[in-house]
Amino acid sequence: MAKILIPTPLRQFVNQQDAVTVSGATIDEVLGGLTTQYGDLRKNLFNDEGKLRSFVNVYVNDEDIRYLSKGKTEVKDSDTVSIVPSIAGGL
């Protein structure tokens, strides 16, 4: 099972855990499993069309999936998946 690191703003949806393990062969499967386990997390990660929200960045072992195979990026049991919401601010 892949380890998914949960950022602080989303921990309220996963019982305050900083990491969870989910099985799956691809990012789509892993994130699907995550949001099946923790349904309230779905609206924070995916839009109404079921696509990953544009401000949510996902990494597999520090590699941005946007530069790999996006949702089809392969995930091994030894991998660490990081969910990083973009933060905007300024004037």
C-alpha atoms as a PDB file:
ATOM      1  CA  MET A   1       0.000   0.000   0.000  1.00  0.00           C
ATOM      2  CA  ALA A   2       1.227   3.459  -0.862  1.00  0.00           C
ATOM      3  CA  LYS A   3       1.655   6.014   1.893  1.00  0.00           C
ATOM      4  CA  ILE A   4      -0.268   9.251   1.282  1.00  0.00           C
ATOM      5  CA  LEU A   5       0.905  12.343   3.153  1.00  0.00           C
ATOM      6  CA  ILE A   6      -2.054  14.493   4.184  1.00  0.00           C
ATOM      7  CA  PRO A   7      -1.490  18.266   4.455  1.00  0.00           C
ATOM      8  CA  THR A   8      -2.626  20.002   7.626  1.00  0.00           C
ATOM      9  CA  PRO A   9      -5.707  21.742   6.093  1.00  0.00           C
ATOM     10  CA  LEU A  10      -7.107  18.373   4.944  1.00  0.00           C
ATOM     11  CA  ARG A  11      -6.420  16.350   8.088  1.00  0.00           C
ATOM     12  CA  GLN A  12      -9.835  17.209   9.501  1.00  0.00           C
ATOM     13  CA  PHE A  13     -11.303  14.942   6.810  1.00  0.00           C
ATOM     14  CA  VAL A  14      -9.080  11.932   7.676  1.00  0.00           C
ATOM     15  CA  ASN A  15      -9.465  11.797  11.468  1.00  0.00           C
ATOM     16  CA  GLN A  16      -6.502  14.154  12.013  1.00  0.00           C
ATOM     17  CA  GLN A  17      -4.015  11.677  10.527  1.00  0.00           C
ATOM     18  CA  ASP A  18      -0.893  13.077   8.860  1.00  0.00           C
ATOM     19  CA  ALA A  19      -0.600  10.009   6.611  1.00  0.00           C
ATOM     20  CA  VAL A  20      -2.787   7.130   5.461  1.00  0.00           C
ATOM     21  CA  THR A  21      -2.073   4.030   3.401  1.00  0.00           C
ATOM     22  CA  VAL A  22      -4.167   3.114   0.385  1.00  0.00           C
ATOM     23  CA  SER A  23      -3.744   0.419  -2.227  1.00  0.00           C
ATOM     24  CA  GLY A  24      -3.842   1.084  -5.945  1.00  0.00           C
ATOM     25  CA  ALA A  25      -1.701   0.717  -9.047  1.00  0.00           C
ATOM     26  CA  THR A  26      -2.135   4.299 -10.304  1.00  0.00           C
ATOM     27  CA  ILE A  27      -2.699   7.741  -8.824  1.00  0.00           C
ATOM     28  CA  ASP A  28      -6.339   7.585  -9.997  1.00  0.00           C
ATOM     29  CA  GLU A  29      -6.815   4.322  -8.076  1.00  0.00           C
ATOM     30  CA  VAL A  30      -4.999   5.547  -4.971  1.00  0.00           C
ATOM     31  CA  LEU A  31      -6.896   8.836  -4.792  1.00  0.00           C
ATOM     32  CA  GLY A  32     -10.123   7.004  -5.576  1.00  0.00           C
ATOM     33  CA  GLY A  33      -9.481   4.641  -2.684  1.00  0.00           C
ATOM     34  CA  LEU A  34      -8.613   7.539  -0.412  1.00  0.00           C
ATOM     35  CA  THR A  35     -11.842   9.393  -1.181  1.00  0.00           C
ATOM     36  CA  THR A  36     -13.860   6.195  -0.831  1.00  0.00           C
ATOM     37  CA  GLN A  37     -12.448   5.731   2.680  1.00  0.00           C
ATOM     38  CA  TYR A  38     -12.844   9.414   3.529  1.00  0.00           C
ATOM     39  CA  GLY A  39     -15.820  10.682   1.520  1.00  0.00           C
ATOM     40  CA  ASP A  40     -15.707  14.255   2.839  1.00  0.00           C
ATOM     41  CA  LEU A  41     -12.265  14.634   1.292  1.00  0.00           C
ATOM     42  CA  ARG A  42     -13.596  14.162  -2.274  1.00  0.00           C
ATOM     43  CA  LYS A  43     -14.974  17.700  -2.693  1.00  0.00           C
ATOM     44  CA  ASN A  44     -11.625  19.121  -1.632  1.00  0.00           C
ATOM     45  CA  LEU A  45      -9.631  17.140  -4.177  1.00  0.00           C
ATOM     46  CA  PHE A  46     -11.989  16.773  -7.146  1.00  0.00           C
ATOM     47  CA  ASN A  47     -14.330  19.097  -9.038  1.00  0.00           C
ATOM     48  CA  ASP A  48     -17.921  18.245 -10.056  1.00  0.00           C
ATOM     49  CA  GLU A  49     -16.651  16.508 -13.209  1.00  0.00           C
ATOM     50  CA  GLY A  50     -14.445  14.201 -11.127  1.00  0.00           C
ATOM     51  CA  LYS A  51     -11.189  15.831 -12.215  1.00  0.00           C
ATOM     52  CA  LEU A  52      -8.441  16.762  -9.799  1.00  0.00           C
ATOM     53  CA  ARG A  53      -8.854  20.413  -8.809  1.00  0.00           C
ATOM     54  CA  SER A  54      -6.355  22.723 -10.476  1.00  0.00           C
ATOM     55  CA  PHE A  55      -4.996  23.986  -7.154  1.00  0.00           C
ATOM     56  CA  VAL A  56      -4.252  20.478  -5.862  1.00  0.00           C
ATOM     57  CA  ASN A  57      -0.763  19.243  -6.668  1.00  0.00           C
ATOM     58  CA  VAL A  58       0.081  15.565  -6.334  1.00  0.00           C
ATOM     59  CA  TYR A  59       3.577  14.129  -6.158  1.00  0.00           C
ATOM     60  CA  VAL A  60       4.867  10.566  -6.221  1.00  0.00           C
ATOM     61  CA  ASN A  61       8.239  10.434  -4.477  1.00  0.00           C
ATOM     62  CA  ASP A  62       8.736  14.178  -5.063  1.00  0.00           C
ATOM     63  CA  GLU A  63       7.852  13.922  -8.786  1.00  0.00           C
ATOM     64  CA  ASP A  64       4.918  16.080  -9.918  1.00  0.00           C
ATOM     65  CA  ILE A  65       2.352  13.828 -11.645  1.00  0.00           C
ATOM     66  CA  ARG A  66       1.610  16.621 -14.145  1.00  0.00           C
ATOM     67  CA  TYR A  67       5.029  15.913 -15.652  1.00  0.00           C
ATOM     68  CA  LEU A  68       4.622  12.141 -15.473  1.00  0.00           C
ATOM     69  CA  SER A  69       1.422  10.406 -16.598  1.00  0.00           C
ATOM     70  CA  LYS A  70      -1.014  12.452 -14.484  1.00  0.00           C
ATOM     71  CA  GLY A  71      -3.719  10.157 -13.052  1.00  0.00           C
ATOM     72  CA  LYS A  72      -2.260   7.165 -14.861  1.00  0.00           C
ATOM     73  CA  THR A  73       1.079   7.555 -13.047  1.00  0.00           C
ATOM     74  CA  GLU A  74       2.016   4.175 -11.586  1.00  0.00           C
ATOM     75  CA  VAL A  75       2.245   3.798  -7.837  1.00  0.00           C
ATOM     76  CA  LYS A  76       4.141   1.045  -6.024  1.00  0.00           C
ATOM     77  CA  ASP A  77       3.621  -0.076  -2.437  1.00  0.00           C
ATOM     78  CA  SER A  78       6.925   1.529  -1.475  1.00  0.00           C
ATOM     79  CA  ASP A  79       5.955   4.951  -2.912  1.00  0.00           C
ATOM     80  CA  THR A  80       5.009   8.060  -0.990  1.00  0.00           C
ATOM     81  CA  VAL A  81       2.252  10.214  -2.444  1.00  0.00           C
ATOM     82  CA  SER A  82       2.077  13.846  -1.347  1.00  0.00           C
ATOM     83  CA  ILE A  83      -1.004  16.029  -1.704  1.00  0.00           C
ATOM     84  CA  VAL A  84      -0.024  19.693  -1.772  1.00  0.00           C
ATOM     85  CA  PRO A  85      -2.757  22.325  -2.082  1.00  0.00           C
ATOM     86  CA  SER A  86      -1.545  25.524  -3.761  1.00  0.00           C
ATOM     87  CA  ILE A  87      -1.527  28.592  -1.577  1.00  0.00           C
ATOM     88  CA  ALA A  88      -2.129  31.983  -3.124  1.00  0.00           C
ATOM     89  CA  GLY A  89      -1.849  35.350  -1.553  1.00  0.00           C
ATOM     90  CA  GLY A  90      -0.407  38.768  -1.812  1.00  0.00           C
ATOM     91  CA  LEU A  91      -1.719  42.043  -3.056  1.00  0.00           C
END
